[in-house]
Amino acid sequence: TAAAGTLITYGAALITARSNLGRGYKRTIESIALVTNAIPGMVLGVSYLFLFSGTSLQNTLLLMVLCNIVHYFSTPYLMMKNALSKMNAGWETTAMLMGDSWLKTILRVVTPNALSSLIEVFSYYFINSMVTISALIFLAGARTMVLTTKIKQLQYINEYDQVFVLSLLILATNLIAKAIFTWLANKSSRKGSSNAKKRKEMKAS
């Protein structure tokens, strides 16, 4: 969920913040972000259950990943769009004058400068996907049950010792992941600041 969600979020934010596509495309993405933010997870899970019932996607991990991406799309998208909007608006124009395409500029210039924000988006998707249950409880099957849905099942049969252990496992995983993501984001941010400082010194000289 975190990997696919970060890629989709980054692509959507690039379209609205750094591309020359028409306003219709941008408004569509903005509308999707607003709508997904207003839909409760339980409603989303039930709707996916009815929509994909009887299809090859029913009770699959792929459907659960898709549901999580849609469920948590709004906040990462706004984070990524805000970060991209703050960057120099003339990078694409300068690169075009030098003969580079828009895609090359995104890969060589924009993405390295947005790396810390990408890590934060990845962290957001990862941690929220680890603890979510509202939508997945309707989509998980016997062979695709995640820890949170397993905890819910164990509560019904009063296996609280197993619930306690699994809850601690989720907590420990999230704490370790959060520490790693924070360290990577800070490292990327310091590296970006250092490169910007070097460019300023080169221009001054």
Protein backbone atom coordinates (compact mmCIF):
# COMPACT_ATOMS: atom_id res chain seq x y z
CA THR A 1 0.00 0.00 0.00
CA ALA A 2 2.75 2.42 0.94
CA ALA A 3 4.76 1.83 -2.24
CA ALA A 4 1.84 1.96 -4.68
CA GLY A 5 0.11 4.75 -2.78
CA THR A 6 3.24 6.93 -2.83
CA LEU A 7 3.67 6.49 -6.58
CA ILE A 8 0.01 7.31 -7.31
CA THR A 9 0.01 10.27 -4.93
CA TYR A 10 3.22 11.65 -6.42
CA GLY A 11 1.86 11.32 -9.95
CA ALA A 12 -1.40 13.05 -9.02
CA ALA A 13 0.46 15.89 -7.26
CA LEU A 14 2.79 16.34 -10.24
CA ILE A 15 -0.20 16.74 -12.55
CA THR A 16 -1.84 19.41 -10.41
CA ALA A 17 1.29 21.27 -9.24
CA ARG A 18 3.97 20.88 -11.95
CA SER A 19 2.27 20.08 -15.27
CA ASN A 20 0.65 22.09 -18.04
CA LEU A 21 -2.37 19.83 -18.41
CA GLY A 22 -5.80 21.39 -18.65
CA ARG A 23 -7.79 22.57 -15.66
CA GLY A 24 -10.29 19.76 -16.18
CA TYR A 25 -7.73 17.09 -15.30
CA LYS A 26 -6.53 19.04 -12.28
CA ARG A 27 -10.05 19.66 -11.01
CA THR A 28 -10.86 15.97 -11.38
CA ILE A 29 -7.92 14.99 -9.18
CA GLU A 30 -8.80 17.68 -6.65
CA SER A 31 -12.40 16.42 -6.56
CA ILE A 32 -11.27 12.83 -6.00
CA ALA A 33 -9.08 13.97 -3.09
CA LEU A 34 -11.96 15.87 -1.49
CA VAL A 35 -14.46 13.04 -1.97
CA THR A 36 -12.19 10.31 -0.55
CA ASN A 37 -11.52 12.48 2.50
CA ALA A 38 -15.27 12.66 3.22
CA ILE A 39 -16.03 8.92 2.88
CA PRO A 40 -15.78 6.89 6.14
CA GLY A 41 -13.72 3.72 5.97
CA MET A 42 -16.70 1.52 6.82
CA VAL A 43 -18.73 2.95 3.93
CA LEU A 44 -15.78 2.45 1.58
CA GLY A 45 -15.33 -1.15 2.70
CA VAL A 46 -19.01 -2.02 2.25
CA SER A 47 -19.10 -0.37 -1.20
CA TYR A 48 -16.01 -2.31 -2.32
CA LEU A 49 -17.57 -5.50 -0.95
CA PHE A 50 -20.68 -5.06 -3.11
CA LEU A 51 -18.79 -3.73 -6.14
CA PHE A 52 -16.24 -6.53 -6.38
CA SER A 53 -18.38 -9.38 -5.04
CA GLY A 54 -18.14 -12.37 -7.36
CA THR A 55 -15.11 -11.01 -9.23
CA SER A 56 -11.53 -12.26 -9.25
CA LEU A 57 -10.56 -9.41 -6.92
CA GLN A 58 -12.86 -10.54 -4.10
CA ASN A 59 -10.98 -11.34 -0.85
CA THR A 60 -7.60 -10.55 -2.43
CA LEU A 61 -4.70 -8.50 -1.09
CA LEU A 62 -4.79 -6.40 -4.25
CA LEU A 63 -8.31 -5.21 -3.45
CA MET A 64 -7.29 -4.40 0.12
CA VAL A 65 -4.30 -2.40 -1.12
CA LEU A 66 -6.51 -0.51 -3.58
CA CYS A 67 -9.02 0.25 -0.83
CA ASN A 68 -6.31 1.59 1.50
CA ILE A 69 -4.84 3.78 -1.23
CA VAL A 70 -8.22 5.37 -1.91
CA HIS A 71 -9.10 5.61 1.78
CA TYR A 72 -5.95 7.56 2.71
CA PHE A 73 -5.36 9.38 -0.57
CA SER A 74 -6.43 12.88 0.47
CA THR A 75 -3.85 13.75 3.15
CA PRO A 76 -0.74 12.41 1.33
CA TYR A 77 -1.88 14.11 -1.87
CA LEU A 78 -2.20 17.49 -0.16
CA MET A 79 1.19 17.00 1.54
CA MET A 80 2.85 16.20 -1.78
CA LYS A 81 1.10 18.97 -3.70
CA ASN A 82 2.10 21.54 -1.08
CA ALA A 83 5.75 20.42 -1.23
CA LEU A 84 5.85 20.54 -5.05
CA SER A 85 4.13 23.94 -5.18
CA LYS A 86 6.87 25.47 -3.00
CA MET A 87 9.63 24.48 -5.41
CA ASN A 88 11.04 26.81 -8.06
CA ALA A 89 8.41 27.14 -10.78
CA GLY A 90 11.05 27.85 -13.43
CA TRP A 91 12.88 24.52 -13.30
CA GLU A 92 10.83 22.98 -16.11
CA THR A 93 11.18 26.06 -18.31
CA THR A 94 14.94 26.20 -17.78
CA ALA A 95 15.31 22.50 -18.50
CA MET A 96 13.22 22.84 -21.66
CA LEU A 97 15.50 25.61 -22.92
CA MET A 98 18.48 23.32 -22.28
CA GLY A 99 16.86 20.54 -24.31
CA ASP A 100 15.55 18.31 -21.52
CA SER A 101 12.02 16.92 -21.58
CA TRP A 102 9.50 17.44 -18.78
CA LEU A 103 9.87 13.83 -17.65
CA LYS A 104 13.66 14.10 -17.43
CA THR A 105 13.32 17.26 -15.36
CA ILE A 106 10.96 15.51 -12.97
CA LEU A 107 13.34 12.57 -12.56
CA ARG A 108 16.59 14.55 -12.35
CA VAL A 109 15.58 17.73 -10.54
CA VAL A 110 12.13 17.63 -8.94
CA THR A 111 12.19 14.11 -7.48
CA PRO A 112 15.52 14.47 -5.61
CA ASN A 113 14.27 17.72 -4.07
CA ALA A 114 10.95 16.08 -3.12
CA LEU A 115 12.54 13.00 -1.59
CA SER A 116 11.89 13.98 2.04
CA SER A 117 8.20 14.60 1.26
CA LEU A 118 7.99 11.27 -0.57
CA ILE A 119 9.37 9.51 2.50
CA GLU A 120 6.77 11.25 4.69
CA VAL A 121 3.99 10.15 2.34
CA PHE A 122 5.34 6.59 2.39
CA SER A 123 5.44 6.71 6.19
CA TYR A 124 1.84 7.99 6.38
CA TYR A 125 0.53 5.20 4.15
CA PHE A 126 2.58 2.52 5.90
CA ILE A 127 1.57 3.38 9.47
CA ASN A 128 -2.10 3.98 8.72
CA SER A 129 -2.33 0.76 6.71
CA MET A 130 -0.85 -1.15 9.65
CA VAL A 131 -3.58 -0.04 12.06
CA THR A 132 -6.64 0.34 9.81
CA ILE A 133 -9.59 -2.00 10.23
CA SER A 134 -12.78 -0.07 9.35
CA ALA A 135 -12.69 -0.86 5.63
CA LEU A 136 -10.61 -4.05 5.60
CA ILE A 137 -12.91 -5.94 7.96
CA PHE A 138 -15.35 -6.29 5.04
CA LEU A 139 -12.71 -7.23 2.46
CA ALA A 140 -10.40 -9.65 4.26
CA GLY A 141 -10.84 -13.34 3.61
CA ALA A 142 -9.58 -16.43 5.42
CA ARG A 143 -6.38 -16.43 3.35
CA THR A 144 -5.84 -12.67 3.24
CA MET A 145 -6.54 -11.70 6.85
CA VAL A 146 -4.26 -8.96 8.19
CA LEU A 147 -3.24 -8.47 11.83
CA THR A 148 -5.91 -5.90 12.65
CA THR A 149 -8.73 -8.10 11.36
CA LYS A 150 -7.20 -11.08 13.15
CA ILE A 151 -7.27 -9.10 16.41
CA LYS A 152 -10.94 -8.32 15.85
CA GLN A 153 -11.65 -12.02 15.33
CA LEU A 154 -9.76 -13.04 18.46
CA GLN A 155 -11.76 -10.57 20.55
CA TYR A 156 -14.95 -12.48 19.80
CA ILE A 157 -13.51 -15.69 21.28
CA ASN A 158 -11.92 -13.91 24.27
CA GLU A 159 -8.32 -14.74 23.30
CA TYR A 160 -7.00 -11.58 24.93
CA ASP A 161 -3.47 -12.88 25.46
CA GLN A 162 -3.07 -13.26 21.69
CA VAL A 163 -4.71 -9.85 21.13
CA PHE A 164 -2.17 -8.30 23.50
CA VAL A 165 0.80 -9.90 21.72
CA LEU A 166 -0.41 -8.93 18.23
CA SER A 167 -1.13 -5.37 19.38
CA LEU A 168 2.38 -5.06 20.77
CA LEU A 169 3.75 -6.41 17.48
CA ILE A 170 1.89 -3.74 15.49
CA LEU A 171 3.03 -1.03 17.92
CA ALA A 172 6.68 -2.12 17.77
CA THR A 173 6.61 -2.33 13.99
CA ASN A 174 5.15 1.16 13.67
CA LEU A 175 7.61 2.66 16.16
CA ILE A 176 10.60 1.15 14.37
CA ALA A 177 9.24 2.15 10.95
CA LYS A 178 8.51 5.70 12.13
CA ALA A 179 12.04 6.08 13.51
CA ILE A 180 13.56 4.87 10.23
CA PHE A 181 11.33 7.07 8.07
CA THR A 182 12.02 10.14 10.23
CA TRP A 183 15.77 9.53 10.03
CA LEU A 184 15.63 9.11 6.25
CA ALA A 185 13.48 12.23 5.79
CA ASN A 186 15.79 14.35 7.96
CA LYS A 187 18.84 13.03 6.14
CA SER A 188 17.28 13.82 2.76
CA SER A 189 16.25 17.28 3.94
CA ARG A 190 19.76 18.09 5.19
CA LYS A 191 21.25 16.86 1.92
CA GLY A 192 18.88 19.04 -0.08
CA SER A 193 19.74 22.10 2.03
CA SER A 194 23.44 21.41 1.59
CA ASN A 195 23.10 21.15 -2.20
CA ALA A 196 21.09 24.38 -2.35
CA LYS A 197 23.75 26.15 -0.28
CA LYS A 198 26.48 24.93 -2.63
CA ARG A 199 24.56 26.17 -5.67
CA LYS A 200 24.17 29.59 -4.09
CA GLU A 201 27.90 29.75 -3.33
CA MET A 202 28.76 28.77 -6.90
CA LYS A 203 26.46 31.49 -8.27
CA ALA A 204 27.96 34.09 -5.94
CA SER A 205 31.47 33.18 -6.99
